[in-house]
Amino acid sequence: MSNYTGAKVRLSRKLGIALTAKAGKYMERKPNPPGQHGANKRRAKVSDYGKQLFEKQRLRLQYNVHERQLRRYVDQAQRALGNTGEILVQLLESRLDALVYRAGLARSMYAARQYVTHGHLTVNGKRVNIPSYRVKVNDVIAVREKSRKLLCFQEAIRTSAPPQYLEVSKSNLSVKLLYVPPREEIPVICEIPLVVEYYSR
C-alpha cells in the first residue's frame, strides 16, 4: 500500500486530527462533517474491529508510514521487553522524519519526509536521506549548511514548539534527542492499545 497523498483536509476531518497546518486551519473553521446536517449527523455504532482499524489508520497516517512498515514496527515492539504499545510509539517517534517534524524544522510530517529524502538533513554531521533512519539518544540532527537559507526551514522554525525530549537550536537549525520519551510526552493522538489489539488478532 502506498503512502496517502490525496486530500489531506478530507482525510484529517475523517480521522479527527490535523495532518497538515492547512488541515488544522480548515478544521478550526469547519469542525463538523460536510453537508447541512453535518453537526447533527448520527454516527453508526462501530464494531470493536472497526475501532481498532480506525486507530491503526490514525497512527499510520500521523507518521506517514506504509502498512508493511507499521507491521514491522509492531513486530519489533512485540519482541522487545516492556509495554508493547509504548515501545511501538517510541520506535515510530525515533524516525528521522518524525523528529525533524517534531523539532519544528518542517511544518508537516509529509514535508519532513520530503526534506530528508532530498538530502537536506544530517545526523551527527553525516548526510542521511532515509526517513525511517533510527535516531538515538544524543544524536544531533541538523539542516545542511547549503540548505539553511531555504525559506521553508526559516518559516517552519519561527513557529516551532518542540517537546521537552528535544533540544532545538533555532540559530543553526539543529536538534538533539535528549532521551527516549515516555508515551505521555509523545504528541500523538491515538489509542495505542487498540492498535496492538488489531495486530494481535
N, C-alpha and C. Protein backbone atom coordinates (compact mmCIF):
# COMPACT_ATOMS: atom_id res chain seq x y z
N MET A 1 0.85 -1.20 0.00
CA MET A 1 0.00 0.00 0.00
C MET A 1 0.88 1.25 0.00
N SER A 2 0.62 2.19 -0.89
CA SER A 2 1.45 3.38 -0.96
C SER A 2 1.03 4.40 0.10
N ASN A 3 1.94 5.36 0.37
CA ASN A 3 1.60 6.40 1.31
C ASN A 3 0.50 7.28 0.74
N TYR A 4 -0.42 7.73 1.57
CA TYR A 4 -1.57 8.51 1.12
C TYR A 4 -1.12 9.91 0.70
N THR A 5 -1.43 10.31 -0.52
CA THR A 5 -1.04 11.64 -0.98
C THR A 5 -2.25 12.45 -1.46
N GLY A 6 -3.46 11.96 -1.18
CA GLY A 6 -4.68 12.64 -1.62
C GLY A 6 -5.02 13.84 -0.76
N ALA A 7 -6.33 14.18 -0.69
CA ALA A 7 -6.77 15.38 0.01
C ALA A 7 -6.56 15.24 1.51
N LYS A 8 -5.55 15.92 2.03
CA LYS A 8 -5.21 15.80 3.46
C LYS A 8 -6.31 16.39 4.36
N VAL A 9 -6.99 17.43 3.85
CA VAL A 9 -8.04 18.06 4.65
C VAL A 9 -9.18 17.07 4.87
N ARG A 10 -9.64 16.44 3.79
CA ARG A 10 -10.74 15.48 3.89
C ARG A 10 -10.36 14.32 4.82
N LEU A 11 -9.15 13.82 4.67
CA LEU A 11 -8.69 12.72 5.50
C LEU A 11 -8.56 13.15 6.96
N SER A 12 -8.07 14.36 7.18
CA SER A 12 -7.92 14.90 8.54
C SER A 12 -9.26 14.97 9.26
N ARG A 13 -10.31 15.42 8.54
CA ARG A 13 -11.64 15.54 9.14
C ARG A 13 -12.20 14.17 9.48
N LYS A 14 -11.92 13.19 8.61
CA LYS A 14 -12.40 11.83 8.84
C LYS A 14 -11.76 11.23 10.09
N LEU A 15 -10.46 11.49 10.28
CA LEU A 15 -9.71 10.91 11.41
C LEU A 15 -9.82 11.76 12.68
N GLY A 16 -10.26 13.01 12.52
CA GLY A 16 -10.39 13.90 13.68
C GLY A 16 -9.06 14.47 14.15
N ILE A 17 -8.06 14.47 13.26
CA ILE A 17 -6.73 15.02 13.59
C ILE A 17 -6.21 15.80 12.40
N ALA A 18 -5.51 16.90 12.67
CA ALA A 18 -4.96 17.71 11.58
C ALA A 18 -3.63 17.11 11.12
N LEU A 19 -3.60 16.62 9.89
CA LEU A 19 -2.37 16.02 9.35
C LEU A 19 -1.42 17.06 8.78
N THR A 20 -1.95 18.26 8.48
CA THR A 20 -1.13 19.36 7.98
C THR A 20 -1.63 20.66 8.61
N ALA A 21 -0.82 21.72 8.51
CA ALA A 21 -1.21 23.02 9.06
C ALA A 21 -2.47 23.54 8.36
N LYS A 22 -2.54 23.33 7.04
CA LYS A 22 -3.71 23.76 6.27
C LYS A 22 -4.97 23.05 6.76
N ALA A 23 -4.85 21.74 7.01
CA ALA A 23 -5.98 20.96 7.51
C ALA A 23 -6.43 21.47 8.87
N GLY A 24 -5.45 21.83 9.72
CA GLY A 24 -5.75 22.34 11.06
C GLY A 24 -6.57 23.62 11.01
N LYS A 25 -6.18 24.54 10.11
CA LYS A 25 -6.91 25.80 9.96
C LYS A 25 -8.33 25.55 9.45
N TYR A 26 -8.45 24.64 8.48
CA TYR A 26 -9.75 24.31 7.90
C TYR A 26 -10.67 23.69 8.95
N MET A 27 -10.12 22.81 9.78
CA MET A 27 -10.92 22.14 10.80
C MET A 27 -11.37 23.10 11.90
N GLU A 28 -10.58 24.14 12.17
CA GLU A 28 -10.98 25.16 13.15
C GLU A 28 -12.20 25.91 12.64
N ARG A 29 -12.20 26.19 11.33
CA ARG A 29 -13.32 26.94 10.72
C ARG A 29 -14.56 26.07 10.56
N LYS A 30 -14.36 24.80 10.15
CA LYS A 30 -15.48 23.89 9.90
C LYS A 30 -15.26 22.56 10.63
N PRO A 31 -15.52 22.51 11.92
CA PRO A 31 -15.24 21.30 12.70
C PRO A 31 -16.17 20.12 12.41
N ASN A 32 -17.36 20.38 11.86
CA ASN A 32 -18.34 19.32 11.65
C ASN A 32 -18.21 18.66 10.27
N PRO A 33 -18.77 17.46 10.13
CA PRO A 33 -18.75 16.80 8.82
C PRO A 33 -19.46 17.65 7.78
N PRO A 34 -19.16 17.47 6.49
CA PRO A 34 -19.79 18.28 5.45
C PRO A 34 -21.29 18.02 5.33
N GLY A 35 -21.99 18.94 4.70
CA GLY A 35 -23.45 18.79 4.50
C GLY A 35 -24.24 19.61 5.50
N GLN A 36 -25.51 19.92 5.16
CA GLN A 36 -26.31 20.79 6.01
C GLN A 36 -26.64 20.18 7.36
N HIS A 37 -26.59 18.84 7.45
CA HIS A 37 -26.90 18.18 8.73
C HIS A 37 -25.63 17.70 9.44
N GLY A 38 -24.49 18.22 8.98
CA GLY A 38 -23.20 17.76 9.49
C GLY A 38 -23.08 17.76 11.01
N ALA A 39 -23.52 18.86 11.63
CA ALA A 39 -23.37 18.98 13.09
C ALA A 39 -24.25 18.00 13.85
N ASN A 40 -25.40 17.62 13.25
CA ASN A 40 -26.35 16.75 13.95
C ASN A 40 -26.32 15.29 13.47
N LYS A 41 -25.38 15.02 12.59
CA LYS A 41 -25.34 13.68 11.98
C LYS A 41 -25.07 12.61 13.05
N ARG A 42 -25.88 11.57 13.04
CA ARG A 42 -25.68 10.47 13.99
C ARG A 42 -24.63 9.52 13.45
N ARG A 43 -23.74 9.10 14.35
CA ARG A 43 -22.70 8.17 13.93
C ARG A 43 -23.19 6.75 14.15
N ALA A 44 -22.98 5.89 13.16
CA ALA A 44 -23.37 4.48 13.30
C ALA A 44 -22.48 3.83 14.36
N LYS A 45 -23.03 2.83 15.05
CA LYS A 45 -22.26 2.13 16.07
C LYS A 45 -21.12 1.37 15.40
N VAL A 46 -19.92 1.54 15.94
CA VAL A 46 -18.73 0.93 15.34
C VAL A 46 -18.36 -0.33 16.10
N SER A 47 -18.02 -1.39 15.36
CA SER A 47 -17.61 -2.66 16.00
C SER A 47 -16.22 -2.51 16.61
N ASP A 48 -15.84 -3.48 17.46
CA ASP A 48 -14.50 -3.46 18.06
C ASP A 48 -13.43 -3.45 16.98
N TYR A 49 -13.65 -4.28 15.95
CA TYR A 49 -12.69 -4.32 14.84
C TYR A 49 -12.61 -2.96 14.14
N GLY A 50 -13.78 -2.33 13.96
CA GLY A 50 -13.83 -1.01 13.33
C GLY A 50 -13.04 0.03 14.11
N LYS A 51 -13.15 -0.02 15.44
CA LYS A 51 -12.40 0.91 16.30
C LYS A 51 -10.91 0.67 16.19
N GLN A 52 -10.52 -0.63 16.20
CA GLN A 52 -9.10 -0.98 16.09
C GLN A 52 -8.54 -0.51 14.75
N LEU A 53 -9.30 -0.72 13.68
CA LEU A 53 -8.87 -0.32 12.34
C LEU A 53 -8.72 1.19 12.25
N PHE A 54 -9.68 1.91 12.83
CA PHE A 54 -9.66 3.37 12.82
C PHE A 54 -8.40 3.90 13.52
N GLU A 55 -8.10 3.35 14.69
CA GLU A 55 -6.92 3.81 15.45
C GLU A 55 -5.62 3.43 14.74
N LYS A 56 -5.63 2.27 14.09
CA LYS A 56 -4.44 1.85 13.33
C LYS A 56 -4.17 2.84 12.20
N GLN A 57 -5.25 3.24 11.48
CA GLN A 57 -5.12 4.20 10.39
C GLN A 57 -4.67 5.56 10.92
N ARG A 58 -5.21 5.93 12.07
CA ARG A 58 -4.82 7.19 12.70
C ARG A 58 -3.32 7.23 12.96
N LEU A 59 -2.81 6.16 13.55
CA LEU A 59 -1.39 6.09 13.89
C LEU A 59 -0.54 6.07 12.62
N ARG A 60 -0.93 5.24 11.68
CA ARG A 60 -0.15 5.08 10.45
C ARG A 60 -0.03 6.41 9.69
N LEU A 61 -1.14 7.14 9.61
CA LEU A 61 -1.13 8.37 8.84
C LEU A 61 -0.47 9.54 9.58
N GLN A 62 -0.48 9.50 10.91
CA GLN A 62 0.23 10.55 11.64
C GLN A 62 1.74 10.45 11.42
N TYR A 63 2.21 9.22 11.20
CA TYR A 63 3.64 9.04 10.94
C TYR A 63 3.93 8.86 9.44
N ASN A 64 2.88 8.87 8.62
CA ASN A 64 3.03 8.76 7.17
C ASN A 64 3.88 7.54 6.78
N VAL A 65 3.52 6.37 7.33
CA VAL A 65 4.25 5.15 7.02
C VAL A 65 3.37 4.16 6.26
N HIS A 66 4.00 3.28 5.50
CA HIS A 66 3.29 2.22 4.78
C HIS A 66 2.71 1.22 5.78
N GLU A 67 1.72 0.50 5.35
CA GLU A 67 1.13 -0.57 6.17
C GLU A 67 2.19 -1.60 6.58
N ARG A 68 3.01 -2.02 5.63
CA ARG A 68 4.02 -3.03 5.96
C ARG A 68 5.09 -2.50 6.92
N GLN A 69 5.38 -1.18 6.86
CA GLN A 69 6.33 -0.59 7.80
C GLN A 69 5.76 -0.61 9.21
N LEU A 70 4.47 -0.25 9.32
CA LEU A 70 3.85 -0.25 10.64
C LEU A 70 3.83 -1.66 11.22
N ARG A 71 3.51 -2.64 10.39
CA ARG A 71 3.51 -4.05 10.81
C ARG A 71 4.90 -4.44 11.34
N ARG A 72 5.96 -3.98 10.67
CA ARG A 72 7.33 -4.27 11.09
C ARG A 72 7.62 -3.65 12.46
N TYR A 73 7.15 -2.42 12.66
CA TYR A 73 7.36 -1.76 13.96
C TYR A 73 6.62 -2.50 15.07
N VAL A 74 5.41 -2.96 14.77
CA VAL A 74 4.62 -3.72 15.76
C VAL A 74 5.36 -5.02 16.12
N ASP A 75 5.88 -5.71 15.12
CA ASP A 75 6.63 -6.95 15.37
C ASP A 75 7.84 -6.69 16.26
N GLN A 76 8.55 -5.59 15.99
CA GLN A 76 9.72 -5.22 16.80
C GLN A 76 9.31 -4.95 18.25
N ALA A 77 8.21 -4.21 18.39
CA ALA A 77 7.72 -3.84 19.73
C ALA A 77 7.28 -5.08 20.51
N GLN A 78 6.66 -6.03 19.81
CA GLN A 78 6.20 -7.25 20.49
C GLN A 78 7.36 -8.13 20.93
N ARG A 79 8.47 -8.08 20.21
CA ARG A 79 9.65 -8.87 20.57
C ARG A 79 10.44 -8.25 21.73
N ALA A 80 10.30 -6.95 21.91
CA ALA A 80 11.05 -6.24 22.96
C ALA A 80 10.43 -6.45 24.33
N LEU A 81 11.24 -6.24 25.37
CA LEU A 81 10.74 -6.35 26.75
C LEU A 81 10.06 -5.04 27.14
N GLY A 82 8.90 -5.14 27.74
CA GLY A 82 8.18 -3.94 28.17
C GLY A 82 6.81 -3.84 27.54
N ASN A 83 6.20 -2.67 27.71
CA ASN A 83 4.86 -2.41 27.20
C ASN A 83 4.90 -2.26 25.68
N THR A 84 4.22 -3.16 24.97
CA THR A 84 4.27 -3.17 23.50
C THR A 84 3.81 -1.84 22.90
N GLY A 85 2.71 -1.29 23.41
CA GLY A 85 2.18 -0.04 22.88
C GLY A 85 3.16 1.11 23.05
N GLU A 86 3.76 1.22 24.22
CA GLU A 86 4.71 2.31 24.50
C GLU A 86 5.94 2.17 23.60
N ILE A 87 6.45 0.95 23.48
CA ILE A 87 7.64 0.71 22.65
C ILE A 87 7.33 1.01 21.19
N LEU A 88 6.13 0.66 20.74
CA LEU A 88 5.72 0.93 19.36
C LEU A 88 5.79 2.42 19.05
N VAL A 89 5.23 3.24 19.93
CA VAL A 89 5.24 4.69 19.69
C VAL A 89 6.66 5.24 19.77
N GLN A 90 7.46 4.71 20.69
CA GLN A 90 8.86 5.17 20.81
C GLN A 90 9.65 4.84 19.54
N LEU A 91 9.40 3.67 18.96
CA LEU A 91 10.08 3.29 17.71
C LEU A 91 9.70 4.23 16.58
N LEU A 92 8.40 4.54 16.47
CA LEU A 92 7.92 5.44 15.43
C LEU A 92 8.47 6.85 15.64
N GLU A 93 8.50 7.27 16.90
CA GLU A 93 8.96 8.63 17.21
C GLU A 93 10.46 8.80 16.99
N SER A 94 11.21 7.70 16.99
CA SER A 94 12.67 7.80 16.80
C SER A 94 13.05 7.88 15.31
N ARG A 95 12.06 7.83 14.41
CA ARG A 95 12.33 8.01 12.98
C ARG A 95 12.87 9.42 12.72
N LEU A 96 13.78 9.52 11.78
CA LEU A 96 14.36 10.82 11.46
C LEU A 96 13.31 11.83 11.01
N ASP A 97 12.40 11.41 10.11
CA ASP A 97 11.39 12.36 9.62
C ASP A 97 10.47 12.83 10.74
N ALA A 98 10.15 11.93 11.69
CA ALA A 98 9.27 12.30 12.81
C ALA A 98 9.93 13.37 13.68
N LEU A 99 11.22 13.21 13.95
CA LEU A 99 11.91 14.17 14.82
C LEU A 99 12.18 15.50 14.11
N VAL A 100 12.36 15.46 12.80
CA VAL A 100 12.51 16.70 12.02
C VAL A 100 11.22 17.51 12.14
N TYR A 101 10.08 16.82 12.02
CA TYR A 101 8.78 17.48 12.16
C TYR A 101 8.56 17.96 13.59
N ARG A 102 8.81 17.09 14.55
CA ARG A 102 8.59 17.40 15.96
C ARG A 102 9.42 18.61 16.41
N ALA A 103 10.63 18.73 15.86
CA ALA A 103 11.53 19.82 16.25
C ALA A 103 11.09 21.16 15.66
N GLY A 104 10.22 21.11 14.66
CA GLY A 104 9.77 22.34 14.02
C GLY A 104 10.61 22.72 12.81
N LEU A 105 11.37 21.76 12.28
CA LEU A 105 12.15 22.03 11.07
C LEU A 105 11.30 21.83 9.81
N ALA A 106 10.11 21.28 9.99
CA ALA A 106 9.15 21.10 8.90
C ALA A 106 7.76 21.34 9.45
N ARG A 107 6.85 21.77 8.59
CA ARG A 107 5.51 22.12 9.06
C ARG A 107 4.52 20.97 9.03
N SER A 108 4.94 19.84 8.46
CA SER A 108 4.11 18.64 8.49
C SER A 108 5.02 17.42 8.38
N MET A 109 4.48 16.25 8.71
CA MET A 109 5.24 15.01 8.60
C MET A 109 5.58 14.73 7.14
N TYR A 110 4.67 15.15 6.24
CA TYR A 110 4.88 14.94 4.82
C TYR A 110 6.06 15.78 4.31
N ALA A 111 6.11 17.03 4.77
CA ALA A 111 7.22 17.91 4.39
C ALA A 111 8.54 17.38 4.95
N ALA A 112 8.50 16.91 6.20
CA ALA A 112 9.71 16.38 6.84
C ALA A 112 10.29 15.22 6.04
N ARG A 113 9.41 14.34 5.60
CA ARG A 113 9.85 13.18 4.80
C ARG A 113 10.52 13.65 3.51
N GLN A 114 9.93 14.65 2.88
CA GLN A 114 10.46 15.17 1.62
C GLN A 114 11.84 15.81 1.83
N TYR A 115 11.99 16.59 2.92
CA TYR A 115 13.28 17.25 3.19
C TYR A 115 14.38 16.22 3.42
N VAL A 116 14.03 15.13 4.11
CA VAL A 116 15.02 14.08 4.37
C VAL A 116 15.42 13.40 3.06
N THR A 117 14.43 12.98 2.26
CA THR A 117 14.74 12.26 1.02
C THR A 117 15.50 13.14 0.01
N HIS A 118 15.30 14.46 0.10
CA HIS A 118 16.01 15.38 -0.80
C HIS A 118 17.41 15.73 -0.30
N GLY A 119 17.80 15.13 0.83
CA GLY A 119 19.17 15.29 1.32
C GLY A 119 19.49 16.58 2.05
N HIS A 120 18.46 17.22 2.63
CA HIS A 120 18.70 18.49 3.33
C HIS A 120 19.17 18.30 4.78
N LEU A 121 19.11 17.06 5.31
CA LEU A 121 19.40 16.84 6.73
C LEU A 121 20.66 16.01 6.96
N THR A 122 21.30 16.28 8.11
CA THR A 122 22.44 15.46 8.54
C THR A 122 22.15 14.92 9.94
N VAL A 123 22.79 13.80 10.27
CA VAL A 123 22.76 13.26 11.63
C VAL A 123 24.21 13.11 12.06
N ASN A 124 24.56 13.81 13.12
CA ASN A 124 25.95 13.83 13.62
C ASN A 124 26.93 14.21 12.50
N GLY A 125 26.51 15.17 11.67
CA GLY A 125 27.39 15.69 10.63
C GLY A 125 27.39 14.92 9.32
N LYS A 126 26.73 13.77 9.27
CA LYS A 126 26.69 12.98 8.04
C LYS A 126 25.32 13.06 7.40
N ARG A 127 25.30 13.25 6.09
CA ARG A 127 24.02 13.38 5.39
C ARG A 127 23.26 12.06 5.42
N VAL A 128 21.99 12.13 5.79
CA VAL A 128 21.12 10.94 5.83
C VAL A 128 19.86 11.26 5.03
N ASN A 129 19.53 10.40 4.06
CA ASN A 129 18.33 10.67 3.24
C ASN A 129 17.29 9.55 3.35
N ILE A 130 17.33 8.85 4.48
CA ILE A 130 16.37 7.77 4.73
C ILE A 130 15.41 8.22 5.85
N PRO A 131 14.13 8.47 5.53
CA PRO A 131 13.18 8.97 6.53
C PRO A 131 13.03 8.05 7.75
N SER A 132 13.17 6.73 7.54
CA SER A 132 12.99 5.78 8.65
C SER A 132 14.25 5.58 9.49
N TYR A 133 15.32 6.31 9.16
CA TYR A 133 16.57 6.20 9.92
C TYR A 133 16.28 6.36 11.41
N ARG A 134 16.81 5.44 12.23
CA ARG A 134 16.50 5.48 13.66
C ARG A 134 17.49 6.36 14.42
N VAL A 135 16.98 7.44 14.97
CA VAL A 135 17.80 8.39 15.72
C VAL A 135 17.97 7.89 17.15
N LYS A 136 19.19 7.97 17.66
CA LYS A 136 19.48 7.52 19.02
C LYS A 136 19.67 8.71 19.95
N VAL A 137 19.58 8.44 21.25
CA VAL A 137 19.76 9.49 22.26
C VAL A 137 21.13 10.14 22.07
N ASN A 138 21.16 11.47 22.15
CA ASN A 138 22.35 12.32 21.98
C ASN A 138 22.75 12.54 20.52
N ASP A 139 22.04 11.93 19.58
CA ASP A 139 22.29 12.22 18.16
C ASP A 139 21.85 13.66 17.88
N VAL A 140 22.57 14.32 16.98
CA VAL A 140 22.22 15.70 16.60
C VAL A 140 21.80 15.73 15.13
N ILE A 141 20.57 16.17 14.90
CA ILE A 141 20.03 16.33 13.55
C ILE A 141 20.20 17.81 13.19
N ALA A 142 20.64 18.08 11.97
CA ALA A 142 20.80 19.48 11.55
C ALA A 142 20.47 19.64 10.08
N VAL A 143 20.03 20.85 9.73
CA VAL A 143 19.82 21.18 8.33
C VAL A 143 21.20 21.46 7.74
N ARG A 144 21.49 20.89 6.58
CA ARG A 144 22.79 21.11 5.93
C ARG A 144 23.04 22.59 5.70
N GLU A 145 24.29 22.99 5.81
CA GLU A 145 24.64 24.41 5.68
C GLU A 145 24.11 25.01 4.38
N LYS A 146 24.20 24.26 3.28
CA LYS A 146 23.74 24.75 1.98
C LYS A 146 22.23 25.00 1.95
N SER A 147 21.50 24.30 2.84
CA SER A 147 20.03 24.38 2.82
C SER A 147 19.46 25.35 3.85
N ARG A 148 20.31 25.88 4.72
CA ARG A 148 19.80 26.69 5.85
C ARG A 148 19.09 27.97 5.45
N LYS A 149 19.42 28.49 4.27
CA LYS A 149 18.81 29.75 3.84
C LYS A 149 17.46 29.53 3.16
N LEU A 150 17.10 28.28 2.95
CA LEU A 150 15.81 27.99 2.29
C LEU A 150 14.65 28.49 3.14
N LEU A 151 13.69 29.14 2.48
CA LEU A 151 12.55 29.75 3.16
C LEU A 151 11.73 28.74 3.96
N CYS A 152 11.60 27.51 3.43
CA CYS A 152 10.76 26.50 4.12
C CYS A 152 11.28 26.23 5.54
N PHE A 153 12.60 26.19 5.72
CA PHE A 153 13.16 25.95 7.05
C PHE A 153 13.05 27.18 7.94
N GLN A 154 13.31 28.34 7.36
CA GLN A 154 13.24 29.60 8.11
C GLN A 154 11.82 29.85 8.65
N GLU A 155 10.83 29.58 7.81
CA GLU A 155 9.44 29.79 8.22
C GLU A 155 8.99 28.76 9.24
N ALA A 156 9.39 27.51 9.05
CA ALA A 156 8.98 26.44 9.97
C ALA A 156 9.54 26.66 11.37
N ILE A 157 10.83 26.98 11.45
CA ILE A 157 11.50 27.08 12.77
C ILE A 157 10.97 28.28 13.57
N ARG A 158 10.46 29.29 12.87
CA ARG A 158 9.96 30.50 13.53
C ARG A 158 8.82 30.19 14.49
N THR A 159 7.99 29.20 14.14
CA THR A 159 6.83 28.88 14.98
C THR A 159 6.99 27.54 15.71
N SER A 160 8.22 27.04 15.79
CA SER A 160 8.42 25.71 16.40
C SER A 160 8.18 25.74 17.91
N ALA A 161 7.57 24.66 18.40
CA ALA A 161 7.34 24.49 19.83
C ALA A 161 7.67 23.03 20.16
N PRO A 162 8.97 22.70 20.22
CA PRO A 162 9.37 21.29 20.37
C PRO A 162 9.03 20.70 21.72
N PRO A 163 8.79 19.39 21.79
CA PRO A 163 8.56 18.72 23.07
C PRO A 163 9.84 18.70 23.90
N GLN A 164 9.72 18.38 25.18
CA GLN A 164 10.87 18.51 26.08
C GLN A 164 11.98 17.49 25.87
N TYR A 165 11.73 16.44 25.09
CA TYR A 165 12.80 15.47 24.85
C TYR A 165 13.72 15.91 23.70
N LEU A 166 13.41 17.08 23.12
CA LEU A 166 14.27 17.63 22.06
C LEU A 166 14.86 18.97 22.48
N GLU A 167 16.14 19.15 22.19
CA GLU A 167 16.82 20.42 22.44
C GLU A 167 17.08 21.06 21.08
N VAL A 168 16.41 22.14 20.81
CA VAL A 168 16.47 22.76 19.48
C VAL A 168 17.29 24.05 19.52
N SER A 169 18.16 24.20 18.53
CA SER A 169 18.88 25.45 18.34
C SER A 169 18.33 26.11 17.08
N LYS A 170 17.58 27.19 17.28
CA LYS A 170 16.96 27.87 16.14
C LYS A 170 18.00 28.59 15.28
N SER A 171 19.10 29.02 15.90
CA SER A 171 20.12 29.77 15.17
C SER A 171 20.84 28.92 14.12
N ASN A 172 21.16 27.66 14.47
CA ASN A 172 21.84 26.83 13.45
C ASN A 172 20.98 25.66 12.97
N LEU A 173 19.65 25.76 13.20
CA LEU A 173 18.69 24.77 12.69
C LEU A 173 19.12 23.33 13.01
N SER A 174 19.34 23.09 14.30
CA SER A 174 19.72 21.73 14.72
C SER A 174 18.88 21.29 15.90
N VAL A 175 18.84 19.98 16.13
CA VAL A 175 18.05 19.42 17.22
C VAL A 175 18.77 18.19 17.78
N LYS A 176 18.74 18.07 19.09
CA LYS A 176 19.37 16.92 19.76
C LYS A 176 18.31 16.13 20.51
N LEU A 177 18.34 14.80 20.35
CA LEU A 177 17.41 13.93 21.09
C LEU A 177 18.01 13.69 22.47
N LEU A 178 17.35 14.21 23.51
CA LEU A 178 17.88 14.15 24.88
C LEU A 178 17.64 12.81 25.56
N TYR A 179 16.48 12.21 25.31
CA TYR A 179 16.15 10.93 25.93
C TYR A 179 14.99 10.29 25.17
N VAL A 180 14.79 8.98 25.39
CA VAL A 180 13.65 8.29 24.77
C VAL A 180 12.41 8.70 25.56
N PRO A 181 11.47 9.36 24.91
CA PRO A 181 10.32 9.88 25.65
C PRO A 181 9.31 8.81 26.03
N PRO A 182 8.67 8.95 27.22
CA PRO A 182 7.57 8.05 27.56
C PRO A 182 6.35 8.41 26.71
N ARG A 183 5.40 7.49 26.61
CA ARG A 183 4.22 7.67 25.76
C ARG A 183 3.51 9.00 26.01
N GLU A 184 3.36 9.38 27.30
CA GLU A 184 2.57 10.58 27.60
C GLU A 184 3.21 11.88 27.08
N GLU A 185 4.50 11.84 26.75
CA GLU A 185 5.16 13.05 26.23
C GLU A 185 5.12 13.12 24.70
N ILE A 186 4.75 12.03 24.06
CA ILE A 186 4.74 11.99 22.60
C ILE A 186 3.39 12.49 22.08
N PRO A 187 3.38 13.61 21.34
CA PRO A 187 2.11 14.23 20.94
C PRO A 187 1.40 13.53 19.78
N VAL A 188 1.02 12.28 20.01
CA VAL A 188 0.31 11.51 19.00
C VAL A 188 -1.10 11.25 19.51
N ILE A 189 -2.10 11.49 18.66
CA ILE A 189 -3.49 11.28 19.06
C ILE A 189 -3.90 9.89 18.58
N CYS A 190 -3.95 8.95 19.50
CA CYS A 190 -4.27 7.57 19.12
C CYS A 190 -4.42 6.72 20.37
N GLU A 191 -5.37 5.79 20.33
CA GLU A 191 -5.50 4.81 21.42
C GLU A 191 -4.63 3.62 21.04
N ILE A 192 -3.38 3.67 21.48
CA ILE A 192 -2.37 2.69 21.07
C ILE A 192 -2.76 1.24 21.42
N PRO A 193 -3.36 0.97 22.60
CA PRO A 193 -3.75 -0.42 22.89
C PRO A 193 -4.64 -1.05 21.82
N LEU A 194 -5.51 -0.23 21.19
CA LEU A 194 -6.38 -0.75 20.14
C LEU A 194 -5.58 -1.14 18.89
N VAL A 195 -4.48 -0.41 18.64
CA VAL A 195 -3.61 -0.74 17.50
C VAL A 195 -2.93 -2.08 17.75
N VAL A 196 -2.45 -2.26 18.98
CA VAL A 196 -1.79 -3.52 19.36
C VAL A 196 -2.79 -4.68 19.24
N GLU A 197 -4.04 -4.43 19.68
CA GLU A 197 -5.10 -5.46 19.58
C GLU A 197 -5.35 -5.81 18.12
N TYR A 198 -5.36 -4.80 17.25
CA TYR A 198 -5.61 -5.02 15.82
C TYR A 198 -4.60 -6.01 15.25
N TYR A 199 -3.33 -5.83 15.60
CA TYR A 199 -2.28 -6.70 15.07
C TYR A 199 -2.13 -8.01 15.84
N SER A 200 -2.84 -8.14 16.95
CA SER A 200 -2.76 -9.37 17.74
C SER A 200 -3.88 -10.35 17.41
N ARG A 201 -4.79 -9.95 16.49
CA ARG A 201 -5.94 -10.81 16.17
C ARG A 201 -5.48 -12.15 15.60
